[in-house]
C-alpha atoms as a PDB file:
ATOM      1  CA  MET A   1      44.084  35.647 -63.806  1.00  0.00           C
ATOM      2  CA  THR A   2      46.531  33.231 -65.424  1.00  0.00           C
ATOM      3  CA  LYS A   3      49.014  34.775 -67.774  1.00  0.00           C
ATOM      4  CA  ALA A   4      49.295  33.536 -71.336  1.00  0.00           C
ATOM      5  CA  TRP A   5      51.702  30.727 -72.180  1.00  0.00           C
ATOM      6  CA  ILE A   6      55.276  31.926 -72.628  1.00  0.00           C
ATOM      7  CA  LYS A   7      57.504  29.941 -74.996  1.00  0.00           C
ATOM      8  CA  MET A   8      60.768  28.766 -73.485  1.00  0.00           C
ATOM      9  CA  LYS A   9      64.081  28.251 -75.265  1.00  0.00           C
ATOM     10  CA  SER A  10      64.566  24.678 -74.162  1.00  0.00           C
ATOM     11  CA  SER A  11      64.928  21.282 -75.776  1.00  0.00           C
ATOM     12  CA  ASN A  12      62.425  19.806 -73.291  1.00  0.00           C
ATOM     13  CA  ILE A  13      60.132  22.565 -72.011  1.00  0.00           C
ATOM     14  CA  ASP A  14      57.766  24.098 -74.553  1.00  0.00           C
ATOM     15  CA  ALA A  15      56.057  26.865 -72.574  1.00  0.00           C
ATOM     16  CA  ILE A  16      55.116  27.985 -69.078  1.00  0.00           C
ATOM     17  CA  ARG A  17      52.477  30.181 -67.495  1.00  0.00           C
ATOM     18  CA  TYR A  18      51.863  31.398 -63.971  1.00  0.00           C
ATOM     19  CA  ASN A  19      48.905  32.547 -61.908  1.00  0.00           C
ATOM     20  CA  PRO A  20      50.232  34.933 -59.251  1.00  0.00           C
ATOM     21  CA  SER A  21      46.989  34.971 -57.260  1.00  0.00           C
ATOM     22  CA  THR A  22      47.055  31.187 -56.734  1.00  0.00           C
ATOM     23  CA  GLU A  23      50.831  30.682 -57.105  1.00  0.00           C
ATOM     24  CA  VAL A  24      50.245  27.896 -59.631  1.00  0.00           C
ATOM     25  CA  LEU A  25      52.930  27.357 -62.261  1.00  0.00           C
ATOM     26  CA  GLN A  26      51.977  25.368 -65.341  1.00  0.00           C
ATOM     27  CA  VAL A  27      54.684  23.752 -67.440  1.00  0.00           C
ATOM     28  CA  GLY A  28      54.033  22.389 -70.920  1.00  0.00           C
ATOM     29  CA  PHE A  29      56.596  19.996 -72.325  1.00  0.00           C
ATOM     30  CA  LYS A  30      57.500  19.357 -75.951  1.00  0.00           C
ATOM     31  CA  SER A  31      56.153  15.829 -75.472  1.00  0.00           C
ATOM     32  CA  GLY A  32      52.692  17.357 -75.025  1.00  0.00           C
ATOM     33  CA  ALA A  33      52.491  16.611 -71.300  1.00  0.00           C
ATOM     34  CA  ALA A  34      51.573  19.426 -68.941  1.00  0.00           C
ATOM     35  CA  TYR A  35      51.876  19.770 -65.189  1.00  0.00           C
ATOM     36  CA  SER A  36      50.641  22.285 -62.633  1.00  0.00           C
ATOM     37  CA  TYR A  37      52.888  23.005 -59.656  1.00  0.00           C
ATOM     38  CA  ALA A  38      51.325  24.412 -56.481  1.00  0.00           C
ATOM     39  CA  ASP A  39      52.593  27.123 -54.126  1.00  0.00           C
ATOM     40  CA  VAL A  40      55.379  28.342 -56.415  1.00  0.00           C
ATOM     41  CA  PRO A  41      56.478  31.817 -55.260  1.00  0.00           C
ATOM     42  CA  ALA A  42      56.553  34.622 -57.815  1.00  0.00           C
ATOM     43  CA  ASN A  43      60.321  35.015 -57.411  1.00  0.00           C
ATOM     44  CA  VAL A  44      60.845  31.370 -58.452  1.00  0.00           C
ATOM     45  CA  TYR A  45      58.682  31.913 -61.533  1.00  0.00           C
ATOM     46  CA  GLY A  46      60.691  35.028 -62.387  1.00  0.00           C
ATOM     47  CA  ALA A  47      63.966  33.177 -61.976  1.00  0.00           C
ATOM     48  CA  PHE A  48      62.625  30.397 -64.216  1.00  0.00           C
ATOM     49  CA  LEU A  49      61.831  32.941 -66.944  1.00  0.00           C
ATOM     50  CA  ARG A  50      65.317  34.469 -66.705  1.00  0.00           C
ATOM     51  CA  SER A  51      67.220  31.200 -66.460  1.00  0.00           C
ATOM     52  CA  PRO A  52      69.762  30.581 -69.237  1.00  0.00           C
ATOM     53  CA  SER A  53      68.893  26.871 -68.974  1.00  0.00           C
ATOM     54  CA  PRO A  54      65.165  26.391 -68.276  1.00  0.00           C
ATOM     55  CA  GLY A  55      65.476  22.598 -68.256  1.00  0.00           C
ATOM     56  CA  ARG A  56      68.235  22.646 -65.660  1.00  0.00           C
ATOM     57  CA  PHE A  57      66.347  25.221 -63.576  1.00  0.00           C
ATOM     58  CA  PHE A  58      63.203  23.078 -63.702  1.00  0.00           C
ATOM     59  CA  HIS A  59      65.035  19.953 -62.584  1.00  0.00           C
ATOM     60  CA  ASN A  60      66.971  21.724 -59.823  1.00  0.00           C
ATOM     61  CA  GLU A  61      64.402  24.192 -58.484  1.00  0.00           C
ATOM     62  CA  ILE A  62      60.884  22.933 -59.290  1.00  0.00           C
ATOM     63  CA  ARG A  63      60.721  19.198 -59.938  1.00  0.00           C
ATOM     64  CA  GLY A  64      60.624  17.336 -56.639  1.00  0.00           C
ATOM     65  CA  VAL A  65      60.223  20.584 -54.675  1.00  0.00           C
ATOM     66  CA  TYR A  66      56.591  21.547 -55.343  1.00  0.00           C
ATOM     67  CA  SER A  67      53.534  19.304 -55.378  1.00  0.00           C
ATOM     68  CA  PHE A  68      52.151  18.763 -58.867  1.00  0.00           C
ATOM     69  CA  GLU A  69      49.254  17.485 -60.899  1.00  0.00           C
ATOM     70  CA  LYS A  70      49.605  16.004 -64.378  1.00  0.00           C
ATOM     71  CA  HIS A  71      47.200  17.135 -67.100  1.00  0.00           C
ATOM     72  CA  GLU A  72      46.115  15.768 -70.435  1.00  0.00           C
ATOM     73  CA  PRO A  73      48.464  16.533 -73.334  1.00  0.00           C
ATOM     74  CA  VAL A  74      48.203  20.177 -74.301  1.00  0.00           C
ATOM     75  CA  SER A  75      50.007  20.218 -77.628  1.00  0.00           C
ATOM     76  CA  ASP A  76      46.972  21.703 -79.415  1.00  0.00           C
ATOM     77  CA  THR A  77      46.988  24.659 -77.019  1.00  0.00           C
ATOM     78  CA  LEU A  78      50.730  25.185 -77.153  1.00  0.00           C
ATOM     79  CA  ASP A  79      50.956  24.940 -80.944  1.00  0.00           C
ATOM     80  CA  ASN A  80      49.517  28.447 -81.176  1.00  0.00           C
ATOM     81  CA  VAL A  81      51.836  30.094 -78.648  1.00  0.00           C
ATOM     82  CA  PRO A  82      53.904  32.849 -80.285  1.00  0.00           C
ATOM     83  CA  SER A  83      57.657  32.268 -80.227  1.00  0.00           C
END
């Protein structure tokens, strides 16, 4: 089961969620774009959550490392995520 969206303190990343059974990480951006990243280990997701700079962590540890799929804008879904 996919966890609920978790708001991130970032100027670029709005929220993330992770499905540990499929190792799929979803990242929602403030622009409204959303991406799913495949085969992301749970420890990478945990480090992402704990990172003092989620944007930097994303660019250094996720983007370009894991295969991804872009989704339709998700701003309607993310607007209701608790801060």
